[in-house]
Amino acid sequence: MFTTTTTRLDPDKEVFEWNWYSKENLPEGLSRQKNMNRLET
């Protein structure tokens, strides 16, 4: 619980920021076709 995250250590600076989402409130973008493998995982 209360695990903090940071993008500061990422050498590739790949993401904007990390966020925790409930299963009922996952980002809408996850339902797009290009995200289907990740959504399945």
PDB file of all heavy atoms in Angstrom:
ATOM      1  N   MET A   1       0.845  -1.194   0.000  1.00  0.00           N
ATOM      2  CA  MET A   1       0.000   0.000   0.000  1.00  0.00           C
ATOM      3  C   MET A   1       0.885   1.251   0.000  1.00  0.00           C
ATOM      4  O   MET A   1       1.946   1.247   0.606  1.00  0.00           O
ATOM      5  CB  MET A   1      -0.902  -0.021   1.233  1.00  0.00           C
ATOM      6  CG  MET A   1      -1.999   0.974   1.161  1.00  0.00           C
ATOM      7  SD  MET A   1      -3.026   0.549  -0.250  1.00  0.00           S
ATOM      8  CE  MET A   1      -4.539   1.202   0.276  1.00  0.00           C
ATOM      9  N   PHE A   2       0.454   2.259  -0.678  1.00  0.00           N
ATOM     10  CA  PHE A   2       1.141   3.560  -0.746  1.00  0.00           C
ATOM     11  C   PHE A   2       2.521   3.464  -1.399  1.00  0.00           C
ATOM     12  O   PHE A   2       3.434   4.190  -1.029  1.00  0.00           O
ATOM     13  CB  PHE A   2       1.253   4.211   0.634  1.00  0.00           C
ATOM     14  CG  PHE A   2      -0.056   4.315   1.354  1.00  0.00           C
ATOM     15  CD1 PHE A   2      -0.265   3.640   2.538  1.00  0.00           C
ATOM     16  CD2 PHE A   2      -1.095   5.067   0.816  1.00  0.00           C
ATOM     17  CE1 PHE A   2      -1.484   3.728   3.202  1.00  0.00           C
ATOM     18  CE2 PHE A   2      -2.317   5.156   1.473  1.00  0.00           C
ATOM     19  CZ  PHE A   2      -2.515   4.486   2.673  1.00  0.00           C
ATOM     20  N   THR A   3       2.660   2.567  -2.363  1.00  0.00           N
ATOM     21  CA  THR A   3       3.912   2.467  -3.116  1.00  0.00           C
ATOM     22  C   THR A   3       4.052   3.700  -3.996  1.00  0.00           C
ATOM     23  O   THR A   3       3.147   4.041  -4.751  1.00  0.00           O
ATOM     24  CB  THR A   3       3.920   1.200  -3.985  1.00  0.00           C
ATOM     25  OG1 THR A   3       3.826   0.058  -3.129  1.00  0.00           O
ATOM     26  CG2 THR A   3       5.188   1.096  -4.812  1.00  0.00           C
ATOM     27  N   THR A   4       5.182   4.369  -3.864  1.00  0.00           N
ATOM     28  CA  THR A   4       5.433   5.549  -4.700  1.00  0.00           C
ATOM     29  C   THR A   4       6.237   5.140  -5.928  1.00  0.00           C
ATOM     30  O   THR A   4       6.955   4.142  -5.921  1.00  0.00           O
ATOM     31  CB  THR A   4       6.192   6.638  -3.922  1.00  0.00           C
ATOM     32  OG1 THR A   4       7.432   6.089  -3.466  1.00  0.00           O
ATOM     33  CG2 THR A   4       5.382   7.134  -2.746  1.00  0.00           C
ATOM     34  N   THR A   5       6.091   5.934  -6.962  1.00  0.00           N
ATOM     35  CA  THR A   5       6.799   5.665  -8.211  1.00  0.00           C
ATOM     36  C   THR A   5       7.486   6.945  -8.690  1.00  0.00           C
ATOM     37  O   THR A   5       7.193   8.036  -8.209  1.00  0.00           O
ATOM     38  CB  THR A   5       5.823   5.197  -9.305  1.00  0.00           C
ATOM     39  OG1 THR A   5       4.886   6.242  -9.560  1.00  0.00           O
ATOM     40  CG2 THR A   5       5.099   3.932  -8.900  1.00  0.00           C
ATOM     41  N   THR A   6       8.381   6.775  -9.629  1.00  0.00           N
ATOM     42  CA  THR A   6       9.058   7.911 -10.230  1.00  0.00           C
ATOM     43  C   THR A   6       9.459   7.568 -11.655  1.00  0.00           C
ATOM     44  O   THR A   6       9.715   6.403 -11.952  1.00  0.00           O
ATOM     45  CB  THR A   6      10.308   8.325  -9.427  1.00  0.00           C
ATOM     46  OG1 THR A   6      10.896   9.467 -10.041  1.00  0.00           O
ATOM     47  CG2 THR A   6      11.336   7.211  -9.365  1.00  0.00           C
ATOM     48  N   THR A   7       9.513   8.567 -12.502  1.00  0.00           N
ATOM     49  CA  THR A   7      10.043   8.387 -13.848  1.00  0.00           C
ATOM     50  C   THR A   7      11.462   8.956 -13.925  1.00  0.00           C
ATOM     51  O   THR A   7      12.105   8.870 -14.960  1.00  0.00           O
ATOM     52  CB  THR A   7       9.161   9.098 -14.903  1.00  0.00           C
ATOM     53  OG1 THR A   7       9.078  10.485 -14.574  1.00  0.00           O
ATOM     54  CG2 THR A   7       7.774   8.499 -14.949  1.00  0.00           C
ATOM     55  N   ARG A   8      11.926   9.514 -12.830  1.00  0.00           N
ATOM     56  CA  ARG A   8      13.221  10.193 -12.788  1.00  0.00           C
ATOM     57  C   ARG A   8      14.390   9.271 -13.125  1.00  0.00           C
ATOM     58  O   ARG A   8      15.389   9.698 -13.671  1.00  0.00           O
ATOM     59  CB  ARG A   8      13.409  10.806 -11.396  1.00  0.00           C
ATOM     60  CG  ARG A   8      14.534  11.790 -11.289  1.00  0.00           C
ATOM     61  CD  ARG A   8      14.647  12.399  -9.900  1.00  0.00           C
ATOM     62  NE  ARG A   8      15.091  11.387  -8.957  1.00  0.00           N
ATOM     63  CZ  ARG A   8      14.423  11.029  -7.861  1.00  0.00           C
ATOM     64  NH1 ARG A   8      13.299  11.608  -7.538  1.00  0.00           N
ATOM     65  NH2 ARG A   8      14.887  10.110  -7.058  1.00  0.00           N
ATOM     66  N   LEU A   9      14.284   7.977 -12.817  1.00  0.00           N
ATOM     67  CA  LEU A   9      15.383   7.036 -13.029  1.00  0.00           C
ATOM     68  C   LEU A   9      15.405   6.423 -14.430  1.00  0.00           C
ATOM     69  O   LEU A   9      16.383   5.788 -14.804  1.00  0.00           O
ATOM     70  CB  LEU A   9      15.303   5.900 -12.000  1.00  0.00           C
ATOM     71  CG  LEU A   9      15.272   6.320 -10.534  1.00  0.00           C
ATOM     72  CD1 LEU A   9      14.994   5.112  -9.651  1.00  0.00           C
ATOM     73  CD2 LEU A   9      16.553   6.996 -10.140  1.00  0.00           C
ATOM     74  N   ASP A  10      14.336   6.617 -15.176  1.00  0.00           N
ATOM     75  CA  ASP A  10      14.204   5.967 -16.481  1.00  0.00           C
ATOM     76  C   ASP A  10      15.185   6.561 -17.489  1.00  0.00           C
ATOM     77  O   ASP A  10      15.058   7.723 -17.864  1.00  0.00           O
ATOM     78  CB  ASP A  10      12.777   6.116 -16.997  1.00  0.00           C
ATOM     79  CG  ASP A  10      12.520   5.331 -18.266  1.00  0.00           C
ATOM     80  OD1 ASP A  10      13.463   4.691 -18.794  1.00  0.00           O
ATOM     81  OD2 ASP A  10      11.379   5.349 -18.744  1.00  0.00           O
ATOM     82  N   PRO A  11      16.166   5.767 -17.950  1.00  0.00           N
ATOM     83  CA  PRO A  11      17.141   6.308 -18.906  1.00  0.00           C
ATOM     84  C   PRO A  11      16.512   6.681 -20.242  1.00  0.00           C
ATOM     85  O   PRO A  11      17.017   7.540 -20.951  1.00  0.00           O
ATOM     86  CB  PRO A  11      18.156   5.173 -19.067  1.00  0.00           C
ATOM     87  CG  PRO A  11      17.444   3.946 -18.634  1.00  0.00           C
ATOM     88  CD  PRO A  11      16.407   4.371 -17.637  1.00  0.00           C
ATOM     89  N   ASP A  12      15.389   6.050 -20.585  1.00  0.00           N
ATOM     90  CA  ASP A  12      14.745   6.303 -21.876  1.00  0.00           C
ATOM     91  C   ASP A  12      13.629   7.345 -21.794  1.00  0.00           C
ATOM     92  O   ASP A  12      13.114   7.763 -22.830  1.00  0.00           O
ATOM     93  CB  ASP A  12      14.189   4.999 -22.449  1.00  0.00           C
ATOM     94  CG  ASP A  12      15.263   3.944 -22.604  1.00  0.00           C
ATOM     95  OD1 ASP A  12      16.380   4.298 -23.028  1.00  0.00           O
ATOM     96  OD2 ASP A  12      14.994   2.776 -22.280  1.00  0.00           O
ATOM     97  N   LYS A  13      13.222   7.701 -20.576  1.00  0.00           N
ATOM     98  CA  LYS A  13      12.135   8.685 -20.384  1.00  0.00           C
ATOM     99  C   LYS A  13      10.926   8.333 -21.260  1.00  0.00           C
ATOM    100  O   LYS A  13      10.396   9.152 -21.988  1.00  0.00           O
ATOM    101  CB  LYS A  13      12.613  10.112 -20.692  1.00  0.00           C
ATOM    102  CG  LYS A  13      13.850  10.533 -19.936  1.00  0.00           C
ATOM    103  CD  LYS A  13      13.576  10.676 -18.468  1.00  0.00           C
ATOM    104  CE  LYS A  13      14.814  11.149 -17.727  1.00  0.00           C
ATOM    105  NZ  LYS A  13      14.929  10.635 -16.411  1.00  0.00           N
ATOM    106  N   GLU A  14      10.481   7.080 -21.142  1.00  0.00           N
ATOM    107  CA  GLU A  14       9.457   6.540 -22.035  1.00  0.00           C
ATOM    108  C   GLU A  14       8.026   6.973 -21.730  1.00  0.00           C
ATOM    109  O   GLU A  14       7.195   7.003 -22.622  1.00  0.00           O
ATOM    110  CB  GLU A  14       9.490   5.010 -22.006  1.00  0.00           C
ATOM    111  CG  GLU A  14      10.761   4.436 -22.566  1.00  0.00           C
ATOM    112  CD  GLU A  14      10.845   2.946 -22.366  1.00  0.00           C
ATOM    113  OE1 GLU A  14      11.037   2.511 -21.221  1.00  0.00           O
ATOM    114  OE2 GLU A  14      10.719   2.227 -23.376  1.00  0.00           O
ATOM    115  N   VAL A  15       7.724   7.243 -20.452  1.00  0.00           N
ATOM    116  CA  VAL A  15       6.340   7.532 -20.081  1.00  0.00           C
ATOM    117  C   VAL A  15       6.217   8.924 -19.474  1.00  0.00           C
ATOM    118  O   VAL A  15       7.190   9.499 -18.993  1.00  0.00           O
ATOM    119  CB  VAL A  15       5.776   6.478 -19.101  1.00  0.00           C
ATOM    120  CG1 VAL A  15       5.829   5.081 -19.699  1.00  0.00           C
ATOM    121  CG2 VAL A  15       6.482   6.514 -17.762  1.00  0.00           C
ATOM    122  N   PHE A  16       4.973   9.445 -19.498  1.00  0.00           N
ATOM    123  CA  PHE A  16       4.712  10.750 -18.899  1.00  0.00           C
ATOM    124  C   PHE A  16       4.780  10.653 -17.375  1.00  0.00           C
ATOM    125  O   PHE A  16       5.548  11.344 -16.734  1.00  0.00           O
ATOM    126  CB  PHE A  16       3.336  11.268 -19.337  1.00  0.00           C
ATOM    127  CG  PHE A  16       3.281  11.578 -20.805  1.00  0.00           C
ATOM    128  CD1 PHE A  16       2.642  10.722 -21.685  1.00  0.00           C
ATOM    129  CD2 PHE A  16       3.866  12.723 -21.310  1.00  0.00           C
ATOM    130  CE1 PHE A  16       2.585  11.004 -23.046  1.00  0.00           C
ATOM    131  CE2 PHE A  16       3.816  13.020 -22.669  1.00  0.00           C
ATOM    132  CZ  PHE A  16       3.177  12.149 -23.530  1.00  0.00           C
ATOM    133  N   GLU A  17       3.940   9.785 -16.792  1.00  0.00           N
ATOM    134  CA  GLU A  17       3.965   9.540 -15.350  1.00  0.00           C
ATOM    135  C   GLU A  17       3.186   8.259 -15.046  1.00  0.00           C
ATOM    136  O   GLU A  17       2.317   7.857 -15.803  1.00  0.00           O
ATOM    137  CB  GLU A  17       3.396  10.715 -14.557  1.00  0.00           C
ATOM    138  CG  GLU A  17       1.902  10.905 -14.706  1.00  0.00           C
ATOM    139  CD  GLU A  17       1.356  12.028 -13.838  1.00  0.00           C
ATOM    140  OE1 GLU A  17       1.809  12.189 -12.694  1.00  0.00           O
ATOM    141  OE2 GLU A  17       0.476  12.739 -14.327  1.00  0.00           O
ATOM    142  N   TRP A  18       3.542   7.635 -13.934  1.00  0.00           N
ATOM    143  CA  TRP A  18       2.868   6.412 -13.499  1.00  0.00           C
ATOM    144  C   TRP A  18       1.712   6.783 -12.593  1.00  0.00           C
ATOM    145  O   TRP A  18       1.843   7.662 -11.747  1.00  0.00           O
ATOM    146  CB  TRP A  18       3.843   5.505 -12.742  1.00  0.00           C
ATOM    147  CG  TRP A  18       4.921   4.975 -13.615  1.00  0.00           C
ATOM    148  CD1 TRP A  18       6.190   5.446 -13.724  1.00  0.00           C
ATOM    149  CD2 TRP A  18       4.817   3.893 -14.531  1.00  0.00           C
ATOM    150  NE1 TRP A  18       6.897   4.723 -14.653  1.00  0.00           N
ATOM    151  CE2 TRP A  18       6.074   3.757 -15.163  1.00  0.00           C
ATOM    152  CE3 TRP A  18       3.798   3.021 -14.889  1.00  0.00           C
ATOM    153  CZ2 TRP A  18       6.321   2.778 -16.124  1.00  0.00           C
ATOM    154  CZ3 TRP A  18       4.045   2.045 -15.852  1.00  0.00           C
ATOM    155  CH2 TRP A  18       5.292   1.941 -16.448  1.00  0.00           C
ATOM    156  N   ASN A  19       0.581   6.073 -12.763  1.00  0.00           N
ATOM    157  CA  ASN A  19      -0.587   6.281 -11.909  1.00  0.00           C
ATOM    158  C   ASN A  19      -1.216   4.936 -11.572  1.00  0.00           C
ATOM    159  O   ASN A  19      -1.141   3.985 -12.350  1.00  0.00           O
ATOM    160  CB  ASN A  19      -1.627   7.163 -12.611  1.00  0.00           C
ATOM    161  CG  ASN A  19      -1.162   8.593 -12.721  1.00  0.00           C
ATOM    162  OD1 ASN A  19      -0.970   9.266 -11.727  1.00  0.00           O
ATOM    163  ND2 ASN A  19      -0.956   9.052 -13.940  1.00  0.00           N
ATOM    164  N   TRP A  20      -1.851   4.906 -10.410  1.00  0.00           N
ATOM    165  CA  TRP A  20      -2.569   3.711  -9.967  1.00  0.00           C
ATOM    166  C   TRP A  20      -4.035   3.861 -10.360  1.00  0.00           C
ATOM    167  O   TRP A  20      -4.664   4.868 -10.062  1.00  0.00           O
ATOM    168  CB  TRP A  20      -2.446   3.557  -8.452  1.00  0.00           C
ATOM    169  CG  TRP A  20      -1.043   3.299  -8.010  1.00  0.00           C
ATOM    170  CD1 TRP A  20      -0.138   4.228  -7.582  1.00  0.00           C
ATOM    171  CD2 TRP A  20      -0.383   2.041  -7.944  1.00  0.00           C
ATOM    172  NE1 TRP A  20       1.045   3.617  -7.263  1.00  0.00           N
ATOM    173  CE2 TRP A  20       0.932   2.276  -7.467  1.00  0.00           C
ATOM    174  CE3 TRP A  20      -0.768   0.734  -8.248  1.00  0.00           C
ATOM    175  CZ2 TRP A  20       1.844   1.249  -7.292  1.00  0.00           C
ATOM    176  CZ3 TRP A  20       0.150  -0.292  -8.060  1.00  0.00           C
ATOM    177  CH2 TRP A  20       1.439  -0.033  -7.587  1.00  0.00           C
ATOM    178  N   TYR A  21      -4.589   2.832 -11.035  1.00  0.00           N
ATOM    179  CA  TYR A  21      -5.973   2.856 -11.500  1.00  0.00           C
ATOM    180  C   TYR A  21      -6.717   1.638 -10.967  1.00  0.00           C
ATOM    181  O   TYR A  21      -6.202   0.517 -11.018  1.00  0.00           O
ATOM    182  CB  TYR A  21      -6.033   2.809 -13.033  1.00  0.00           C
ATOM    183  CG  TYR A  21      -5.466   4.022 -13.714  1.00  0.00           C
ATOM    184  CD1 TYR A  21      -4.123   4.075 -14.079  1.00  0.00           C
ATOM    185  CD2 TYR A  21      -6.272   5.113 -14.003  1.00  0.00           C
ATOM    186  CE1 TYR A  21      -3.598   5.186 -14.716  1.00  0.00           C
ATOM    187  CE2 TYR A  21      -5.751   6.236 -14.645  1.00  0.00           C
ATOM    188  CZ  TYR A  21      -4.416   6.261 -14.994  1.00  0.00           C
ATOM    189  OH  TYR A  21      -3.893   7.362 -15.624  1.00  0.00           O
ATOM    190  N   SER A  22      -7.968   1.864 -10.513  1.00  0.00           N
ATOM    191  CA  SER A  22      -8.802   0.735 -10.126  1.00  0.00           C
ATOM    192  C   SER A  22      -9.220  -0.025 -11.376  1.00  0.00           C
ATOM    193  O   SER A  22      -9.213   0.533 -12.486  1.00  0.00           O
ATOM    194  CB  SER A  22     -10.038   1.223  -9.368  1.00  0.00           C
ATOM    195  OG  SER A  22     -10.903   1.912 -10.260  1.00  0.00           O
ATOM    196  N   LYS A  23      -9.599  -1.280 -11.202  1.00  0.00           N
ATOM    197  CA  LYS A  23      -9.994  -2.089 -12.365  1.00  0.00           C
ATOM    198  C   LYS A  23     -11.228  -1.507 -13.049  1.00  0.00           C
ATOM    199  O   LYS A  23     -11.417  -1.686 -14.243  1.00  0.00           O
ATOM    200  CB  LYS A  23     -10.198  -3.552 -11.979  1.00  0.00           C
ATOM    201  CG  LYS A  23     -11.340  -3.819 -11.028  1.00  0.00           C
ATOM    202  CD  LYS A  23     -11.377  -5.293 -10.663  1.00  0.00           C
ATOM    203  CE  LYS A  23     -12.525  -5.710  -9.805  1.00  0.00           C
ATOM    204  NZ  LYS A  23     -12.838  -4.909  -8.667  1.00  0.00           N
ATOM    205  N   GLU A  24     -12.059  -0.775 -12.296  1.00  0.00           N
ATOM    206  CA  GLU A  24     -13.246  -0.158 -12.883  1.00  0.00           C
ATOM    207  C   GLU A  24     -12.925   1.161 -13.595  1.00  0.00           C
ATOM    208  O   GLU A  24     -13.751   1.689 -14.322  1.00  0.00           O
ATOM    209  CB  GLU A  24     -14.297   0.143 -11.793  1.00  0.00           C
ATOM    210  CG  GLU A  24     -14.808  -1.061 -11.038  1.00  0.00           C
ATOM    211  CD  GLU A  24     -13.900  -1.468  -9.871  1.00  0.00           C
ATOM    212  OE1 GLU A  24     -13.043  -0.676  -9.448  1.00  0.00           O
ATOM    213  OE2 GLU A  24     -14.063  -2.611  -9.402  1.00  0.00           O
ATOM    214  N   ASN A  25     -11.735   1.688 -13.359  1.00  0.00           N
ATOM    215  CA  ASN A  25     -11.399   3.011 -13.876  1.00  0.00           C
ATOM    216  C   ASN A  25     -10.078   3.012 -14.656  1.00  0.00           C
ATOM    217  O   ASN A  25      -9.330   3.988 -14.609  1.00  0.00           O
ATOM    218  CB  ASN A  25     -11.337   4.002 -12.707  1.00  0.00           C
ATOM    219  CG  ASN A  25     -11.412   5.437 -13.176  1.00  0.00           C
ATOM    220  OD1 ASN A  25     -12.028   5.731 -14.191  1.00  0.00           O
ATOM    221  ND2 ASN A  25     -10.765   6.325 -12.448  1.00  0.00           N
ATOM    222  N   LEU A  26      -9.795   1.912 -15.369  1.00  0.00           N
ATOM    223  CA  LEU A  26      -8.576   1.863 -16.177  1.00  0.00           C
ATOM    224  C   LEU A  26      -8.672   2.910 -17.286  1.00  0.00           C
ATOM    225  O   LEU A  26      -9.776   3.250 -17.727  1.00  0.00           O
ATOM    226  CB  LEU A  26      -8.392   0.473 -16.781  1.00  0.00           C
ATOM    227  CG  LEU A  26      -8.012  -0.633 -15.794  1.00  0.00           C
ATOM    228  CD1 LEU A  26      -8.088  -1.999 -16.477  1.00  0.00           C
ATOM    229  CD2 LEU A  26      -6.636  -0.404 -15.219  1.00  0.00           C
ATOM    230  N   PRO A  27      -7.561   3.450 -17.751  1.00  0.00           N
ATOM    231  CA  PRO A  27      -7.604   4.466 -18.808  1.00  0.00           C
ATOM    232  C   PRO A  27      -8.350   3.977 -20.048  1.00  0.00           C
ATOM    233  O   PRO A  27      -8.194   2.827 -20.458  1.00  0.00           O
ATOM    234  CB  PRO A  27      -6.125   4.700 -19.135  1.00  0.00           C
ATOM    235  CG  PRO A  27      -5.386   4.250 -17.931  1.00  0.00           C
ATOM    236  CD  PRO A  27      -6.189   3.148 -17.333  1.00  0.00           C
ATOM    237  N   GLU A  28      -9.158   4.851 -20.612  1.00  0.00           N
ATOM    238  CA  GLU A  28      -9.929   4.509 -21.813  1.00  0.00           C
ATOM    239  C   GLU A  28      -9.049   3.997 -22.934  1.00  0.00           C
ATOM    240  O   GLU A  28      -9.434   3.115 -23.685  1.00  0.00           O
ATOM    241  CB  GLU A  28     -10.686   5.743 -22.310  1.00  0.00           C
ATOM    242  CG  GLU A  28     -12.098   5.799 -21.833  1.00  0.00           C
ATOM    243  CD  GLU A  28     -12.838   6.975 -22.453  1.00  0.00           C
ATOM    244  OE1 GLU A  28     -12.787   7.141 -23.698  1.00  0.00           O
ATOM    245  OE2 GLU A  28     -13.454   7.709 -21.684  1.00  0.00           O
ATOM    246  N   GLY A  29      -7.857   4.558 -23.039  1.00  0.00           N
ATOM    247  CA  GLY A  29      -6.954   4.181 -24.113  1.00  0.00           C
ATOM    248  C   GLY A  29      -6.569   2.715 -24.121  1.00  0.00           C
ATOM    249  O   GLY A  29      -6.164   2.181 -25.150  1.00  0.00           O
ATOM    250  N   LEU A  30      -6.695   2.032 -22.984  1.00  0.00           N
ATOM    251  CA  LEU A  30      -6.355   0.610 -22.936  1.00  0.00           C
ATOM    252  C   LEU A  30      -7.285  -0.240 -23.798  1.00  0.00           C
ATOM    253  O   LEU A  30      -6.932  -1.346 -24.176  1.00  0.00           O
ATOM    254  CB  LEU A  30      -6.384   0.095 -21.492  1.00  0.00           C
ATOM    255  CG  LEU A  30      -5.079   0.200 -20.745  1.00  0.00           C
ATOM    256  CD1 LEU A  30      -5.262  -0.056 -19.262  1.00  0.00           C
ATOM    257  CD2 LEU A  30      -4.028  -0.735 -21.304  1.00  0.00           C
ATOM    258  N   SER A  31      -8.461   0.279 -24.109  1.00  0.00           N
ATOM    259  CA  SER A  31      -9.400  -0.509 -24.922  1.00  0.00           C
ATOM    260  C   SER A  31      -9.125  -0.372 -26.422  1.00  0.00           C
ATOM    261  O   SER A  31      -9.739  -1.064 -27.222  1.00  0.00           O
ATOM    262  CB  SER A  31     -10.840  -0.099 -24.616  1.00  0.00           C
ATOM    263  OG  SER A  31     -11.040   1.260 -24.957  1.00  0.00           O
ATOM    264  N   ARG A  32      -8.198   0.517 -26.823  1.00  0.00           N
ATOM    265  CA  ARG A  32      -7.850   0.644 -28.238  1.00  0.00           C
ATOM    266  C   ARG A  32      -7.099  -0.602 -28.708  1.00  0.00           C
ATOM    267  O   ARG A  32      -6.394  -1.244 -27.935  1.00  0.00           O
ATOM    268  CB  ARG A  32      -6.999   1.888 -28.479  1.00  0.00           C
ATOM    269  CG  ARG A  32      -7.772   3.175 -28.300  1.00  0.00           C
ATOM    270  CD  ARG A  32      -6.926   4.351 -28.678  1.00  0.00           C
ATOM    271  NE  ARG A  32      -5.757   4.417 -27.818  1.00  0.00           N
ATOM    272  CZ  ARG A  32      -5.253   5.519 -27.312  1.00  0.00           C
ATOM    273  NH1 ARG A  32      -5.786   6.670 -27.595  1.00  0.00           N
ATOM    274  NH2 ARG A  32      -4.199   5.480 -26.543  1.00  0.00           N
ATOM    275  N   GLN A  33      -7.214  -0.912 -29.970  1.00  0.00           N
ATOM    276  CA  GLN A  33      -6.620  -2.120 -30.543  1.00  0.00           C
ATOM    277  C   GLN A  33      -5.124  -2.245 -30.246  1.00  0.00           C
ATOM    278  O   GLN A  33      -4.643  -3.313 -29.895  1.00  0.00           O
ATOM    279  CB  GLN A  33      -6.853  -2.159 -32.063  1.00  0.00           C
ATOM    280  CG  GLN A  33      -6.373  -3.432 -32.724  1.00  0.00           C
ATOM    281  CD  GLN A  33      -7.071  -4.675 -32.214  1.00  0.00           C
ATOM    282  OE1 GLN A  33      -8.261  -4.658 -31.935  1.00  0.00           O
ATOM    283  NE2 GLN A  33      -6.334  -5.760 -32.086  1.00  0.00           N
ATOM    284  N   LYS A  34      -4.376  -1.145 -30.355  1.00  0.00           N
ATOM    285  CA  LYS A  34      -2.931  -1.229 -30.151  1.00  0.00           C
ATOM    286  C   LYS A  34      -2.541  -1.552 -28.708  1.00  0.00           C
ATOM    287  O   LYS A  34      -1.398  -1.879 -28.441  1.00  0.00           O
ATOM    288  CB  LYS A  34      -2.241   0.058 -30.607  1.00  0.00           C
ATOM    289  CG  LYS A  34      -2.596   1.298 -29.810  1.00  0.00           C
ATOM    290  CD  LYS A  34      -1.873   2.508 -30.382  1.00  0.00           C
ATOM    291  CE  LYS A  34      -2.246   3.786 -29.681  1.00  0.00           C
ATOM    292  NZ  LYS A  34      -1.548   4.928 -30.256  1.00  0.00           N
ATOM    293  N   ASN A  35      -3.489  -1.494 -27.790  1.00  0.00           N
ATOM    294  CA  ASN A  35      -3.218  -1.791 -26.379  1.00  0.00           C
ATOM    295  C   ASN A  35      -3.780  -3.142 -25.932  1.00  0.00           C
ATOM    296  O   ASN A  35      -3.687  -3.486 -24.759  1.00  0.00           O
ATOM    297  CB  ASN A  35      -3.812  -0.690 -25.489  1.00  0.00           C
ATOM    298  CG  ASN A  35      -3.117   0.634 -25.676  1.00  0.00           C
ATOM    299  OD1 ASN A  35      -1.901   0.705 -25.662  1.00  0.00           O
ATOM    300  ND2 ASN A  35      -3.894   1.679 -25.860  1.00  0.00           N
ATOM    301  N   MET A  36      -4.373  -3.897 -26.841  1.00  0.00           N
ATOM    302  CA  MET A  36      -5.080  -5.122 -26.454  1.00  0.00           C
ATOM    303  C   MET A  36      -4.194  -6.152 -25.760  1.00  0.00           C
ATOM    304  O   MET A  36      -4.627  -6.800 -24.819  1.00  0.00           O
ATOM    305  CB  MET A  36      -5.781  -5.744 -27.656  1.00  0.00           C
ATOM    306  CG  MET A  36      -6.994  -4.945 -28.069  1.00  0.00           C
ATOM    307  SD  MET A  36      -7.995  -4.498 -26.639  1.00  0.00           S
ATOM    308  CE  MET A  36      -9.575  -4.957 -27.163  1.00  0.00           C
ATOM    309  N   ASN A  37      -2.954  -6.327 -26.204  1.00  0.00           N
ATOM    310  CA  ASN A  37      -2.070  -7.290 -25.538  1.00  0.00           C
ATOM    311  C   ASN A  37      -1.818  -6.885 -24.097  1.00  0.00           C
ATOM    312  O   ASN A  37      -1.802  -7.727 -23.193  1.00  0.00           O
ATOM    313  CB  ASN A  37      -0.735  -7.407 -26.280  1.00  0.00           C
ATOM    314  CG  ASN A  37      -0.872  -8.127 -27.595  1.00  0.00           C
ATOM    315  OD1 ASN A  37      -1.842  -8.843 -27.819  1.00  0.00           O
ATOM    316  ND2 ASN A  37       0.081  -7.930 -28.479  1.00  0.00           N
ATOM    317  N   ARG A  38      -1.613  -5.598 -23.861  1.00  0.00           N
ATOM    318  CA  ARG A  38      -1.367  -5.123 -22.499  1.00  0.00           C
ATOM    319  C   ARG A  38      -2.613  -5.274 -21.636  1.00  0.00           C
ATOM    320  O   ARG A  38      -2.548  -5.669 -20.485  1.00  0.00           O
ATOM    321  CB  ARG A  38      -0.869  -3.690 -22.533  1.00  0.00           C
ATOM    322  CG  ARG A  38       0.576  -3.631 -22.984  1.00  0.00           C
ATOM    323  CD  ARG A  38       1.000  -2.227 -23.338  1.00  0.00           C
ATOM    324  NE  ARG A  38       2.424  -2.154 -23.606  1.00  0.00           N
ATOM    325  CZ  ARG A  38       2.986  -2.478 -24.758  1.00  0.00           C
ATOM    326  NH1 ARG A  38       2.253  -2.924 -25.742  1.00  0.00           N
ATOM    327  NH2 ARG A  38       4.287  -2.363 -24.936  1.00  0.00           N
ATOM    328  N   LEU A  39      -3.773  -4.946 -22.201  1.00  0.00           N
ATOM    329  CA  LEU A  39      -5.022  -5.096 -21.453  1.00  0.00           C
ATOM    330  C   LEU A  39      -5.259  -6.554 -21.089  1.00  0.00           C
ATOM    331  O   LEU A  39      -5.679  -6.863 -19.968  1.00  0.00           O
ATOM    332  CB  LEU A  39      -6.194  -4.541 -22.258  1.00  0.00           C
ATOM    333  CG  LEU A  39      -7.559  -4.590 -21.566  1.00  0.00           C
ATOM    334  CD1 LEU A  39      -7.534  -3.834 -20.236  1.00  0.00           C
ATOM    335  CD2 LEU A  39      -8.637  -4.026 -22.480  1.00  0.00           C
ATOM    336  N   GLU A  40      -4.969  -7.450 -22.007  1.00  0.00           N
ATOM    337  CA  GLU A  40      -5.118  -8.886 -21.732  1.00  0.00           C
ATOM    338  C   GLU A  40      -4.203  -9.307 -20.573  1.00  0.00           C
ATOM    339  O   GLU A  40      -4.611 -10.055 -19.687  1.00  0.00           O
ATOM    340  CB  GLU A  40      -4.781  -9.687 -22.990  1.00  0.00           C
ATOM    341  CG  GLU A  40      -4.918 -11.182 -22.823  1.00  0.00           C
ATOM    342  CD  GLU A  40      -4.497 -11.917 -24.085  1.00  0.00           C
ATOM    343  OE1 GLU A  40      -4.937 -11.540 -25.175  1.00  0.00           O
ATOM    344  OE2 GLU A  40      -3.712 -12.878 -23.953  1.00  0.00           O
ATOM    345  N   THR A  41      -2.969  -8.815 -20.561  1.00  0.00           N
ATOM    346  CA  THR A  41      -2.026  -9.145 -19.483  1.00  0.00           C
ATOM    347  C   THR A  41      -2.497  -8.551 -18.157  1.00  0.00           C
ATOM    348  O   THR A  41      -2.419  -9.206 -17.113  1.00  0.00           O
ATOM    349  CB  THR A  41      -0.607  -8.644 -19.834  1.00  0.00           C
ATOM    350  OG1 THR A  41      -0.225  -9.224 -21.079  1.00  0.00           O
ATOM    351  CG2 THR A  41       0.403  -9.031 -18.762  1.00  0.00           C
TER     352      THR A  41
END
